[in-house]
């Protein structure tokens, strides 16, 4: 038997007897570095302090009572990046309700074990997981270091040297091309797998993703519709099909697909949240209320509660015309999320919307002004919530506040809201004057950012200059001169400070953007030449 004495294990189980049994089983496998968590909350706190090689997690963390389950904990850990790619996460359950089992499997734990099981069965699962981890470890390391091209190179080698994992390496390689936004390369791999008598569902899903990202919505919709009709339990296909319908402007169809997905797998919070958001946008207040109530209830025991869930529930209730229940949700928000960094901003937005809905214009304006002030100082508020706040400001003639909110959104390089989308909000509100004003302010801000970046670079702060240039690109993504200046600044950083894979990929993406917008752009050839010279300087031209 292999030596597992250095293996670290975290047991997550509220039942003291089960924790003891697992501890004894692990000891029989020569595993002694064992720690416990009695709930999802204590597990999160321990994982924030240090990593573990293996996590053995009971599915029913509520011990039969209402509470977060192992599936939801896995979702939280993955979304908040508290576990590494190589962490082994095994769900232990006696739960035979199929919807719950498929929900857990859908979120891809390393494995799951149904009780009762023996020491030999547990050891076999751990051994199998460790062997696979060893085979993929160098790939995971490259991904964690941001060197996705090296990860792709390792995948190619793995396909030939480890034929038992060839399919998984091929799949991972395609997913890495998607991350690099090289959608045509990913498409080639997926087409290769799909061009068989029995195409694999995951490859069809990947192909649809590549088409979706290329804007080929009709093809993606047709493929995904067939995929979900043939594979009723393939929940990820439902999720992507809903995104396709949203992009096509078919909110009713998107809501219907998400509703079907929730019916198949009813315990995933992020999907319930998305269903609530789409239903709200589609004007279906009752469905939005139903979904957001479930989200609030299920997230109650999570370490990652989001105050915006209460805000969305308030919006649904207001749209439904239930001011009394909306006021109750606001009270619960204030009570149950006291200390949450987003609580006050969400409370003020909720109160302002409730005042507006009940005809109290003066108080609505007062609370909106407070909300705008607090939101400007509160990180993490979603673009959707901020846009809703801006729209309510417009409804109450707070033009400057609405403009400042949207300018703030366009300053956030992590926001998916483009400048055109922000200005379209004014156009839809029949405020062309504000759209023109915002366009002028954005143009001036971009000029100021270019000047600030130049000053930073002159002082030797190249990282700071690159960061400022990224904000300028976010504000003016169609401006080729801004794209050129950004790429040149990043190349200047790499030339002076050494190669960084993430920055190298950003340069490549910016050059691709310039090429797509104007293939004959005069400076493009020299920029490509400078980029290749940088690659050669650091000996990575063959992999980048």
Protein backbone atom coordinates (compact mmCIF):
# COMPACT_ATOMS: atom_id res chain seq x y z
CA UNK A 1 0.00 0.00 0.00
CA UNK A 2 1.21 3.51 -0.83
CA UNK A 3 2.43 5.73 1.99
CA UNK A 4 -0.32 8.22 2.82
CA UNK A 5 1.16 9.45 6.12
CA UNK A 6 1.69 12.99 4.78
CA UNK A 7 -1.82 13.27 3.35
CA UNK A 8 -3.98 15.98 5.00
CA UNK A 9 -7.71 15.34 5.27
CA UNK A 10 -10.60 17.55 6.34
CA UNK A 11 -13.74 15.69 7.47
CA UNK A 12 -16.88 17.81 7.17
CA UNK A 13 -19.71 16.15 9.08
CA UNK A 14 -22.04 17.38 11.85
CA UNK A 15 -22.38 13.88 13.32
CA UNK A 16 -19.75 13.11 15.95
CA UNK A 17 -20.19 9.36 15.48
CA UNK A 18 -19.65 9.53 11.73
CA UNK A 19 -16.60 11.75 12.21
CA UNK A 20 -15.19 9.12 14.54
CA UNK A 21 -15.90 6.29 12.11
CA UNK A 22 -14.23 8.14 9.26
CA UNK A 23 -11.25 8.97 11.48
CA UNK A 24 -10.82 5.27 12.34
CA UNK A 25 -11.12 4.24 8.70
CA UNK A 26 -8.49 6.79 7.67
CA UNK A 27 -6.18 5.65 10.46
CA UNK A 28 -6.42 2.11 9.09
CA UNK A 29 -5.18 3.58 5.79
CA UNK A 30 -2.19 5.14 7.63
CA UNK A 31 -3.72 8.60 7.27
CA UNK A 32 -3.32 10.51 10.54
CA UNK A 33 -3.26 14.22 9.62
CA UNK A 34 -6.98 14.69 10.07
CA UNK A 35 -9.04 17.72 11.06
CA UNK A 36 -12.77 18.22 11.51
CA UNK A 37 -15.44 20.73 10.53
CA UNK A 38 -18.92 20.33 11.99
CA UNK A 39 -20.64 22.61 9.46
CA UNK A 40 -20.11 24.38 6.15
CA UNK A 41 -19.21 27.55 8.02
CA UNK A 42 -16.45 25.94 10.06
CA UNK A 43 -15.18 24.21 6.90
CA UNK A 44 -14.90 27.53 5.08
CA UNK A 45 -13.07 29.12 8.01
CA UNK A 46 -10.57 26.25 8.16
CA UNK A 47 -9.99 26.28 4.40
CA UNK A 48 -9.30 30.00 4.55
CA UNK A 49 -6.45 29.25 6.95
CA UNK A 50 -4.83 26.38 5.05
CA UNK A 51 -5.41 23.89 2.22
CA UNK A 52 -6.09 20.15 2.52
CA UNK A 53 -5.28 17.33 0.13
CA UNK A 54 -8.62 15.59 0.62
CA UNK A 55 -12.01 16.80 1.79
CA UNK A 56 -14.52 14.12 2.88
CA UNK A 57 -17.84 15.90 3.08
CA UNK A 58 -21.21 14.60 4.28
CA UNK A 59 -24.04 15.62 1.96
CA UNK A 60 -26.54 16.43 4.73
CA UNK A 61 -24.69 19.08 6.72
CA UNK A 62 -27.89 20.15 8.43
CA UNK A 63 -28.06 16.81 10.28
CA UNK A 64 -31.63 16.42 9.10
CA UNK A 65 -32.49 20.05 9.80
CA UNK A 66 -32.66 23.01 7.41
CA UNK A 67 -29.15 24.10 6.46
CA UNK A 68 -26.50 24.13 3.77
CA UNK A 69 -25.68 20.78 2.19
CA UNK A 70 -22.40 19.41 0.86
CA UNK A 71 -23.32 20.29 -2.71
CA UNK A 72 -23.84 23.95 -1.80
CA UNK A 73 -20.57 23.98 0.15
CA UNK A 74 -18.73 22.64 -2.90
CA UNK A 75 -20.32 25.37 -5.02
CA UNK A 76 -19.23 28.06 -2.55
CA UNK A 77 -15.67 26.73 -2.32
CA UNK A 78 -15.28 26.56 -6.09
CA UNK A 79 -16.82 29.94 -6.84
CA UNK A 80 -14.80 31.67 -4.12
CA UNK A 81 -11.60 29.79 -5.04
CA UNK A 82 -11.00 28.35 -1.59
CA UNK A 83 -9.91 24.98 -2.95
CA UNK A 84 -7.24 24.31 -5.55
CA UNK A 85 -7.76 22.49 -8.84
CA UNK A 86 -5.95 19.49 -7.36
CA UNK A 87 -7.99 19.32 -4.14
CA UNK A 88 -9.81 15.99 -3.84
CA UNK A 89 -13.43 16.59 -2.78
CA UNK A 90 -15.51 13.47 -2.05
CA UNK A 91 -19.18 13.72 -1.10
CA UNK A 92 -20.49 11.05 1.29
CA UNK A 93 -24.22 10.47 1.36
CA UNK A 94 -27.01 8.05 2.07
CA UNK A 95 -29.34 10.33 0.12
CA UNK A 96 -30.87 8.38 -2.76
CA UNK A 97 -33.13 11.09 -4.10
CA UNK A 98 -31.91 11.31 -7.66
CA UNK A 99 -32.28 15.07 -8.06
CA UNK A 100 -29.91 15.64 -5.16
CA UNK A 101 -27.36 13.11 -6.37
CA UNK A 102 -27.29 14.57 -9.89
CA UNK A 103 -27.01 18.05 -8.40
CA UNK A 104 -23.88 17.04 -6.54
CA UNK A 105 -22.40 15.22 -9.55
CA UNK A 106 -23.19 18.19 -11.79
CA UNK A 107 -20.92 20.38 -9.69
CA UNK A 108 -18.14 17.88 -10.29
CA UNK A 109 -16.83 16.62 -6.98
CA UNK A 110 -13.90 14.27 -7.43
CA UNK A 111 -16.17 11.39 -6.42
CA UNK A 112 -19.08 10.50 -4.15
CA UNK A 113 -19.64 7.46 -1.95
CA UNK A 114 -22.98 6.06 -0.88
CA UNK A 115 -23.22 4.77 2.68
CA UNK A 116 -22.63 2.20 3.97
CA UNK A 117 -19.07 1.64 2.73
CA UNK A 118 -15.98 -0.21 3.91
CA UNK A 119 -12.40 0.86 4.61
CA UNK A 120 -11.31 -0.83 1.40
CA UNK A 121 -13.91 1.07 -0.62
CA UNK A 122 -12.81 4.40 0.87
CA UNK A 123 -9.13 3.64 0.29
CA UNK A 124 -9.84 2.59 -3.28
CA UNK A 125 -11.59 5.91 -4.02
CA UNK A 126 -8.82 7.97 -2.41
CA UNK A 127 -6.09 6.00 -4.20
CA UNK A 128 -7.80 6.40 -7.56
CA UNK A 129 -8.22 10.14 -6.99
CA UNK A 130 -4.58 10.58 -5.94
CA UNK A 131 -3.33 8.69 -9.00
CA UNK A 132 -5.38 10.90 -11.30
CA UNK A 133 -4.21 14.02 -9.45
CA UNK A 134 -0.59 13.00 -10.00
CA UNK A 135 -1.23 12.58 -13.73
CA UNK A 136 -2.77 16.05 -14.03
CA UNK A 137 -0.68 17.89 -11.43
CA UNK A 138 1.73 19.63 -13.81
CA UNK A 139 -1.21 20.77 -15.94
CA UNK A 140 -2.99 22.18 -12.89
CA UNK A 141 0.20 23.96 -11.80
CA UNK A 142 0.56 25.67 -15.17
CA UNK A 143 -3.09 26.78 -15.02
CA UNK A 144 -2.73 28.14 -11.48
CA UNK A 145 0.38 30.07 -12.60
CA UNK A 146 -1.62 31.63 -15.44
CA UNK A 147 0.48 29.87 -18.09
CA UNK A 148 -2.40 28.47 -20.11
CA UNK A 149 -0.28 27.83 -23.19
CA UNK A 150 2.10 25.67 -21.21
CA UNK A 151 -0.94 23.85 -19.84
CA UNK A 152 -2.10 23.22 -23.41
CA UNK A 153 1.36 21.88 -24.32
CA UNK A 154 1.24 19.50 -21.33
CA UNK A 155 -2.25 18.35 -22.35
CA UNK A 156 -0.97 17.46 -25.83
CA UNK A 157 1.81 15.38 -24.25
CA UNK A 158 -0.66 13.79 -21.83
CA UNK A 159 -2.93 12.68 -24.67
CA UNK A 160 -0.11 10.53 -26.08
CA UNK A 161 1.76 9.50 -22.92
CA UNK A 162 -1.29 8.77 -20.74
CA UNK A 163 -3.86 7.24 -23.11
CA UNK A 164 -6.17 6.31 -20.23
CA UNK A 165 -6.72 10.05 -19.70
CA UNK A 166 -6.49 11.07 -23.37
CA UNK A 167 -10.12 12.12 -23.55
CA UNK A 168 -9.87 14.25 -20.41
CA UNK A 169 -6.67 15.93 -21.60
CA UNK A 170 -8.32 16.69 -24.92
CA UNK A 171 -11.35 18.09 -23.16
CA UNK A 172 -9.18 20.24 -20.88
CA UNK A 173 -7.20 21.52 -23.88
CA UNK A 174 -10.41 22.67 -25.57
CA UNK A 175 -11.56 24.38 -22.37
CA UNK A 176 -8.22 26.19 -22.13
CA UNK A 177 -8.65 27.52 -25.66
CA UNK A 178 -12.07 28.83 -24.56
CA UNK A 179 -10.40 30.59 -21.60
CA UNK A 180 -7.86 32.12 -23.99
CA UNK A 181 -10.81 33.32 -26.11
CA UNK A 182 -9.44 31.37 -29.07
CA UNK A 183 -12.87 30.05 -29.89
CA UNK A 184 -12.06 28.77 -33.36
CA UNK A 185 -9.27 26.56 -31.98
CA UNK A 186 -11.67 25.17 -29.37
CA UNK A 187 -14.27 24.64 -32.10
CA UNK A 188 -11.82 22.49 -34.11
CA UNK A 189 -11.31 20.12 -31.16
CA UNK A 190 -15.01 19.85 -30.40
CA UNK A 191 -15.89 19.26 -34.07
CA UNK A 192 -13.28 16.50 -34.20
CA UNK A 193 -15.00 14.73 -31.27
CA UNK A 194 -18.53 15.42 -32.48
CA UNK A 195 -17.86 14.09 -35.98
CA UNK A 196 -18.68 10.53 -34.93
CA UNK A 197 -21.75 8.33 -34.93
CA UNK A 198 -22.26 8.92 -31.21
CA UNK A 199 -20.92 12.39 -30.33
CA UNK A 200 -20.21 12.94 -26.64
CA UNK A 201 -22.61 15.36 -24.92
CA UNK A 202 -19.80 17.36 -23.27
CA UNK A 203 -18.19 17.90 -26.69
CA UNK A 204 -21.51 19.09 -28.12
CA UNK A 205 -21.81 21.48 -25.19
CA UNK A 206 -18.27 22.76 -25.80
CA UNK A 207 -19.00 23.24 -29.48
CA UNK A 208 -22.10 25.25 -28.59
CA UNK A 209 -19.99 27.38 -26.21
CA UNK A 210 -17.51 28.15 -28.99
CA UNK A 211 -20.36 29.12 -31.34
CA UNK A 212 -22.01 31.24 -28.65
CA UNK A 213 -18.78 33.16 -28.06
CA UNK A 214 -18.41 33.69 -31.81
CA UNK A 215 -21.94 35.13 -31.96
CA UNK A 216 -23.30 32.17 -33.93
CA UNK A 217 -26.44 32.10 -31.82
CA UNK A 218 -28.79 30.28 -34.20
CA UNK A 219 -26.36 27.36 -34.57
CA UNK A 220 -25.77 27.21 -30.81
CA UNK A 221 -29.53 27.30 -30.11
CA UNK A 222 -30.22 24.47 -32.56
CA UNK A 223 -27.45 22.26 -31.17
CA UNK A 224 -28.39 22.87 -27.53
CA UNK A 225 -32.11 22.33 -28.10
CA UNK A 226 -31.34 18.91 -29.51
CA UNK A 227 -28.88 18.20 -26.72
CA UNK A 228 -31.36 18.84 -23.89
CA UNK A 229 -34.11 16.91 -25.65
CA UNK A 230 -31.83 13.85 -25.86
CA UNK A 231 -30.17 14.31 -22.45
CA UNK A 232 -32.79 15.51 -19.97
CA UNK A 233 -30.34 15.38 -17.04
CA UNK A 234 -27.51 17.34 -18.73
CA UNK A 235 -28.09 20.49 -16.70
CA UNK A 236 -25.15 22.53 -18.01
CA UNK A 237 -26.71 22.41 -21.48
CA UNK A 238 -29.86 24.03 -20.09
CA UNK A 239 -27.77 26.81 -18.54
CA UNK A 240 -26.01 27.63 -21.80
CA UNK A 241 -29.23 27.42 -23.81
CA UNK A 242 -30.74 29.99 -21.43
CA UNK A 243 -27.74 32.29 -22.05
CA UNK A 244 -28.21 31.90 -25.79
CA UNK A 245 -31.88 32.85 -25.52
CA UNK A 246 -30.98 35.86 -23.39
CA UNK A 247 -28.47 36.99 -26.00
CA UNK A 248 -31.20 36.58 -28.64
CA UNK A 249 -33.55 38.72 -26.54
CA UNK A 250 -35.91 35.80 -25.89
CA UNK A 251 -36.34 36.21 -22.14
CA UNK A 252 -39.46 34.05 -21.98
CA UNK A 253 -37.63 31.14 -23.58
CA UNK A 254 -34.63 31.66 -21.29
CA UNK A 255 -36.89 31.60 -18.24
CA UNK A 256 -38.64 28.45 -19.43
CA UNK A 257 -35.32 26.64 -19.96
CA UNK A 258 -34.01 27.67 -16.54
CA UNK A 259 -37.28 26.56 -14.96
CA UNK A 260 -36.85 23.13 -16.57
CA UNK A 261 -33.26 22.98 -15.28
CA UNK A 262 -34.34 23.81 -11.74
CA UNK A 263 -36.97 21.10 -12.00
CA UNK A 264 -34.22 18.57 -12.81
CA UNK A 265 -31.70 19.89 -10.24
CA UNK A 266 -33.49 22.04 -7.65
CA UNK A 267 -30.70 22.57 -5.12
CA UNK A 268 -28.12 24.75 -6.91
CA UNK A 269 -28.35 28.30 -5.56
CA UNK A 270 -26.68 30.04 -8.50
CA UNK A 271 -29.27 28.62 -10.93
CA UNK A 272 -32.19 29.55 -8.71
CA UNK A 273 -30.72 33.05 -8.50
CA UNK A 274 -30.37 33.27 -12.27
CA UNK A 275 -33.95 32.07 -12.75
CA UNK A 276 -35.12 34.80 -10.37
CA UNK A 277 -33.13 37.46 -12.22
CA UNK A 278 -34.40 36.42 -15.64
CA UNK A 279 -38.00 36.15 -14.41
CA UNK A 280 -37.71 39.65 -12.91
CA UNK A 281 -36.33 41.06 -16.16
CA UNK A 282 -39.09 39.23 -18.04
CA UNK A 283 -41.78 40.85 -15.87
CA UNK A 284 -42.84 37.60 -14.18
CA UNK A 285 -42.93 38.89 -10.61
CA UNK A 286 -44.48 35.74 -9.11
CA UNK A 287 -41.81 33.43 -10.51
CA UNK A 288 -39.08 35.88 -9.49
CA UNK A 289 -40.49 36.00 -5.97
CA UNK A 290 -40.67 32.22 -5.73
CA UNK A 291 -37.07 31.73 -6.92
CA UNK A 292 -35.54 34.51 -4.83
CA UNK A 293 -37.31 33.27 -1.70
CA UNK A 294 -35.63 29.90 -2.21
CA UNK A 295 -32.27 31.60 -2.76
CA UNK A 296 -32.56 33.62 0.45
CA UNK A 297 -33.59 30.52 2.40
CA UNK A 298 -30.87 28.25 0.98
CA UNK A 299 -28.11 30.86 1.34
CA UNK A 300 -29.01 31.53 4.97
CA UNK A 301 -26.40 29.07 6.21
CA UNK A 302 -23.67 30.00 3.73
CA UNK A 303 -20.53 31.93 4.67
CA UNK A 304 -20.95 33.78 1.38
CA UNK A 305 -24.40 35.30 1.78
CA UNK A 306 -25.15 38.08 -0.68
CA UNK A 307 -27.28 41.01 0.46
CA UNK A 308 -28.31 41.56 -3.16
CA UNK A 309 -30.51 38.45 -2.96
CA UNK A 310 -32.77 40.31 -0.52
CA UNK A 311 -32.72 43.34 -2.85
CA UNK A 312 -33.87 41.22 -5.80
CA UNK A 313 -36.62 39.69 -3.70
CA UNK A 314 -37.77 43.19 -2.72
CA UNK A 315 -37.80 44.18 -6.41
CA UNK A 316 -39.95 41.14 -7.25
CA UNK A 317 -42.41 41.85 -4.45
CA UNK A 318 -42.67 45.53 -5.42
CA UNK A 319 -43.33 44.57 -9.03
CA UNK A 320 -45.96 42.16 -7.76
CA UNK A 321 -47.53 44.98 -5.73
CA UNK A 322 -46.89 43.44 -2.31
CA UNK A 323 -45.44 46.38 -0.38
CA UNK A 324 -46.16 44.80 3.00
CA UNK A 325 -44.12 41.69 2.32
CA UNK A 326 -41.37 43.80 0.72
CA UNK A 327 -41.08 45.80 3.93
CA UNK A 328 -40.74 42.53 5.86
CA UNK A 329 -37.90 41.40 3.60
CA UNK A 330 -36.11 44.71 4.21
CA UNK A 331 -36.40 44.19 7.96
CA UNK A 332 -35.00 40.67 7.59
CA UNK A 333 -32.14 42.04 5.47
CA UNK A 334 -31.21 44.54 8.16
CA UNK A 335 -31.49 41.97 10.95
CA UNK A 336 -29.97 38.84 9.42
CA UNK A 337 -27.14 40.45 7.44
CA UNK A 338 -25.98 42.98 9.99
CA UNK A 339 -22.24 43.39 9.45
CA UNK A 340 -22.40 42.27 5.81
CA UNK A 341 -20.41 44.83 3.76
CA UNK A 342 -23.20 45.25 1.18
CA UNK A 343 -26.11 45.29 3.63
CA UNK A 344 -26.50 49.07 4.02
CA UNK A 345 -26.27 49.78 0.30
CA UNK A 346 -28.89 47.11 -0.47
CA UNK A 347 -31.12 48.30 2.37
CA UNK A 348 -31.07 51.89 1.12
CA UNK A 349 -31.81 50.83 -2.46
CA UNK A 350 -34.66 48.62 -1.26
CA UNK A 351 -36.17 51.35 0.93
CA UNK A 352 -35.93 53.91 -1.90
CA UNK A 353 -37.68 51.55 -4.32
CA UNK A 354 -40.40 50.84 -1.77
CA UNK A 355 -41.00 54.56 -1.17
CA UNK A 356 -41.21 55.14 -4.92
CA UNK A 357 -43.66 52.26 -5.36
CA UNK A 358 -45.93 53.57 -2.59
CA UNK A 359 -45.96 57.12 -3.99
CA UNK A 360 -43.74 58.76 -1.39
CA UNK A 361 -41.59 60.73 -3.85
CA UNK A 362 -39.83 62.99 -1.34
CA UNK A 363 -38.60 60.10 0.80
CA UNK A 364 -37.70 58.11 -2.32
CA UNK A 365 -35.40 60.92 -3.49
CA UNK A 366 -33.83 61.21 -0.05
CA UNK A 367 -33.10 57.48 0.17
CA UNK A 368 -31.88 57.34 -3.43
CA UNK A 369 -29.31 60.05 -2.71
CA UNK A 370 -28.16 58.10 0.35
CA UNK A 371 -27.98 54.90 -1.68
CA UNK A 372 -25.88 56.54 -4.40
CA UNK A 373 -23.45 57.84 -1.78
CA UNK A 374 -23.12 54.51 0.05
CA UNK A 375 -22.86 52.47 -3.19
CA UNK A 376 -19.97 54.65 -4.35
CA UNK A 377 -18.06 53.56 -1.25
CA UNK A 378 -19.15 49.90 -1.26
CA UNK A 379 -17.16 47.48 -3.42
CA UNK A 380 -18.80 44.43 -4.94
CA UNK A 381 -22.24 45.81 -5.81
CA UNK A 382 -23.23 44.11 -9.08
CA UNK A 383 -23.62 46.08 -12.30
CA UNK A 384 -27.25 44.95 -12.55
CA UNK A 385 -28.10 46.44 -9.16
CA UNK A 386 -26.25 49.66 -9.95
CA UNK A 387 -28.06 49.96 -13.29
CA UNK A 388 -31.39 49.48 -11.48
CA UNK A 389 -30.35 52.26 -9.08
CA UNK A 390 -29.46 54.53 -12.02
CA UNK A 391 -32.83 53.86 -13.65
CA UNK A 392 -34.67 54.77 -10.44
CA UNK A 393 -32.57 57.94 -10.22
CA UNK A 394 -33.66 58.85 -13.76
CA UNK A 395 -37.31 58.22 -12.82
CA UNK A 396 -36.90 60.69 -9.96
CA UNK A 397 -35.04 63.35 -12.00
CA UNK A 398 -31.68 62.72 -10.32
CA UNK A 399 -29.81 63.07 -13.62
CA UNK A 400 -26.35 63.77 -12.18
CA UNK A 401 -26.60 60.79 -9.84
CA UNK A 402 -27.62 58.47 -12.69
CA UNK A 403 -24.74 59.72 -14.86
CA UNK A 404 -22.19 59.28 -12.07
CA UNK A 405 -23.39 55.72 -11.40
CA UNK A 406 -23.02 54.71 -15.05
CA UNK A 407 -19.66 56.44 -15.36
CA UNK A 408 -18.57 54.45 -12.30
CA UNK A 409 -19.66 51.19 -13.89
CA UNK A 410 -17.70 51.92 -17.06
CA UNK A 411 -14.62 52.62 -14.91
CA UNK A 412 -14.70 49.08 -13.50
CA UNK A 413 -12.55 46.90 -15.76
CA UNK A 414 -14.24 43.80 -14.33
CA UNK A 415 -17.70 45.01 -15.33
CA UNK A 416 -19.37 43.40 -18.34
CA UNK A 417 -21.23 46.65 -19.02
CA UNK A 418 -19.78 48.44 -22.05
CA UNK A 419 -19.94 52.18 -22.63
CA UNK A 420 -22.49 51.61 -25.41
CA UNK A 421 -24.68 49.59 -23.06
CA UNK A 422 -24.47 52.35 -20.43
CA UNK A 423 -25.44 55.08 -22.89
CA UNK A 424 -28.26 52.92 -24.23
CA UNK A 425 -29.88 53.17 -20.78
CA UNK A 426 -30.23 56.92 -21.30
CA UNK A 427 -31.53 56.44 -24.84
CA UNK A 428 -34.20 54.00 -23.65
CA UNK A 429 -35.23 56.57 -21.01
CA UNK A 430 -35.60 59.10 -23.87
CA UNK A 431 -32.68 61.13 -22.50
CA UNK A 432 -30.45 61.55 -25.53
CA UNK A 433 -29.01 64.69 -23.95
CA UNK A 434 -27.59 62.64 -21.06
CA UNK A 435 -26.18 60.04 -23.47
CA UNK A 436 -24.34 62.78 -25.40
CA UNK A 437 -23.08 64.32 -22.15
CA UNK A 438 -21.82 60.96 -20.92
CA UNK A 439 -20.07 60.29 -24.23
CA UNK A 440 -18.24 63.58 -23.93
CA UNK A 441 -17.25 62.88 -20.33
CA UNK A 442 -15.98 59.42 -21.27
CA UNK A 443 -13.86 60.84 -24.08
CA UNK A 444 -12.27 63.32 -21.67
CA UNK A 445 -11.72 60.60 -19.06
CA UNK A 446 -9.91 58.45 -21.64
CA UNK A 447 -7.63 61.37 -22.52
CA UNK A 448 -6.90 61.90 -18.82
CA UNK A 449 -6.15 58.21 -18.34
CA UNK A 450 -3.71 58.16 -21.26
CA UNK A 451 -1.92 61.16 -19.77
CA UNK A 452 -1.82 59.57 -16.30
CA UNK A 453 -0.46 56.32 -17.75
CA UNK A 454 2.28 58.22 -19.57
CA UNK A 455 3.23 60.02 -16.35
CA UNK A 456 3.35 56.73 -14.42
CA UNK A 457 5.57 55.17 -17.08
CA UNK A 458 7.91 58.18 -17.03
CA UNK A 459 8.33 57.68 -13.27
CA UNK A 460 9.15 54.00 -13.80
CA UNK A 461 5.81 52.65 -12.51
CA UNK A 462 5.06 50.45 -15.50
CA UNK A 463 2.60 48.20 -13.66
CA UNK A 464 0.63 51.24 -12.58
CA UNK A 465 0.68 52.56 -16.14
CA UNK A 466 -0.61 49.25 -17.50
CA UNK A 467 -3.40 49.20 -14.92
CA UNK A 468 -4.52 52.68 -15.98
CA UNK A 469 -4.38 51.68 -19.64
CA UNK A 470 -6.67 48.73 -18.94
CA UNK A 471 -9.28 51.13 -17.57
CA UNK A 472 -8.91 53.28 -20.68
CA UNK A 473 -9.47 50.24 -22.92
CA UNK A 474 -12.58 49.31 -20.91
CA UNK A 475 -13.98 52.80 -21.47
CA UNK A 476 -13.05 52.91 -25.17
CA UNK A 477 -12.88 49.30 -26.45
CA UNK A 478 -13.53 50.36 -30.07
CA UNK A 479 -10.74 52.95 -30.16
CA UNK A 480 -7.80 51.42 -32.03
CA UNK A 481 -5.41 54.14 -30.85
CA UNK A 482 -6.24 53.31 -27.23
CA UNK A 483 -5.78 49.59 -27.94
CA UNK A 484 -2.42 50.31 -29.56
CA UNK A 485 -1.25 52.41 -26.62
CA UNK A 486 -2.34 49.68 -24.19
CA UNK A 487 -0.46 46.93 -26.05
CA UNK A 488 2.68 49.05 -26.31
CA UNK A 489 2.60 49.84 -22.59
CA UNK A 490 2.24 46.17 -21.68
CA UNK A 491 5.14 45.27 -23.97
CA UNK A 492 7.23 47.97 -22.33
CA UNK A 493 6.47 46.39 -18.94
CA UNK A 494 7.46 42.90 -20.09
CA UNK A 495 10.64 44.17 -21.73
CA UNK A 496 11.74 45.92 -18.53
CA UNK A 497 10.41 43.57 -15.85
CA UNK A 498 10.33 40.08 -17.33
CA UNK A 499 7.74 37.87 -18.96
CA UNK A 500 4.38 37.34 -17.23
CA UNK A 501 2.03 34.89 -18.86
CA UNK A 502 -1.12 36.81 -18.01
CA UNK A 503 0.20 40.07 -19.45
CA UNK A 504 1.51 38.23 -22.51
CA UNK A 505 -1.96 36.86 -23.18
CA UNK A 506 -3.51 40.32 -22.73
CA UNK A 507 -1.14 41.71 -25.39
CA UNK A 508 -2.07 38.88 -27.73
CA UNK A 509 -5.79 39.55 -27.19
CA UNK A 510 -5.41 43.30 -27.80
CA UNK A 511 -3.47 42.66 -31.02
CA UNK A 512 -6.23 40.27 -32.13
CA UNK A 513 -8.82 42.97 -31.40
CA UNK A 514 -6.92 45.48 -33.54
CA UNK A 515 -6.61 42.93 -36.35
CA UNK A 516 -10.36 42.19 -36.26
CA UNK A 517 -11.24 45.89 -36.36
CA UNK A 518 -8.75 46.92 -39.04
CA UNK A 519 -6.54 44.18 -40.58
CA UNK A 520 -4.67 46.84 -42.57
CA UNK A 521 -3.87 49.04 -39.57
CA UNK A 522 -0.42 50.49 -40.33
CA UNK A 523 1.16 49.95 -36.91
CA UNK A 524 -0.10 46.38 -36.49
CA UNK A 525 2.82 44.75 -38.32
CA UNK A 526 5.43 46.51 -36.18
CA UNK A 527 3.51 45.69 -33.01
CA UNK A 528 3.34 41.99 -33.94
CA UNK A 529 7.07 42.09 -34.71
CA UNK A 530 7.80 43.63 -31.28
CA UNK A 531 5.62 41.02 -29.57
CA UNK A 532 7.42 38.13 -31.27
CA UNK A 533 10.77 39.70 -30.33
CA UNK A 534 9.68 39.77 -26.69
CA UNK A 535 8.69 36.11 -26.85
CA UNK A 536 12.05 35.22 -28.36
CA UNK A 537 13.87 37.28 -25.72
CA UNK A 538 12.37 35.16 -22.95
CA UNK A 539 12.55 31.86 -24.84
CA UNK A 540 8.82 31.23 -25.04
CA UNK A 541 8.07 31.89 -28.70
CA UNK A 542 7.40 28.18 -29.29
CA UNK A 543 4.56 28.02 -26.74
CA UNK A 544 2.93 31.46 -26.93
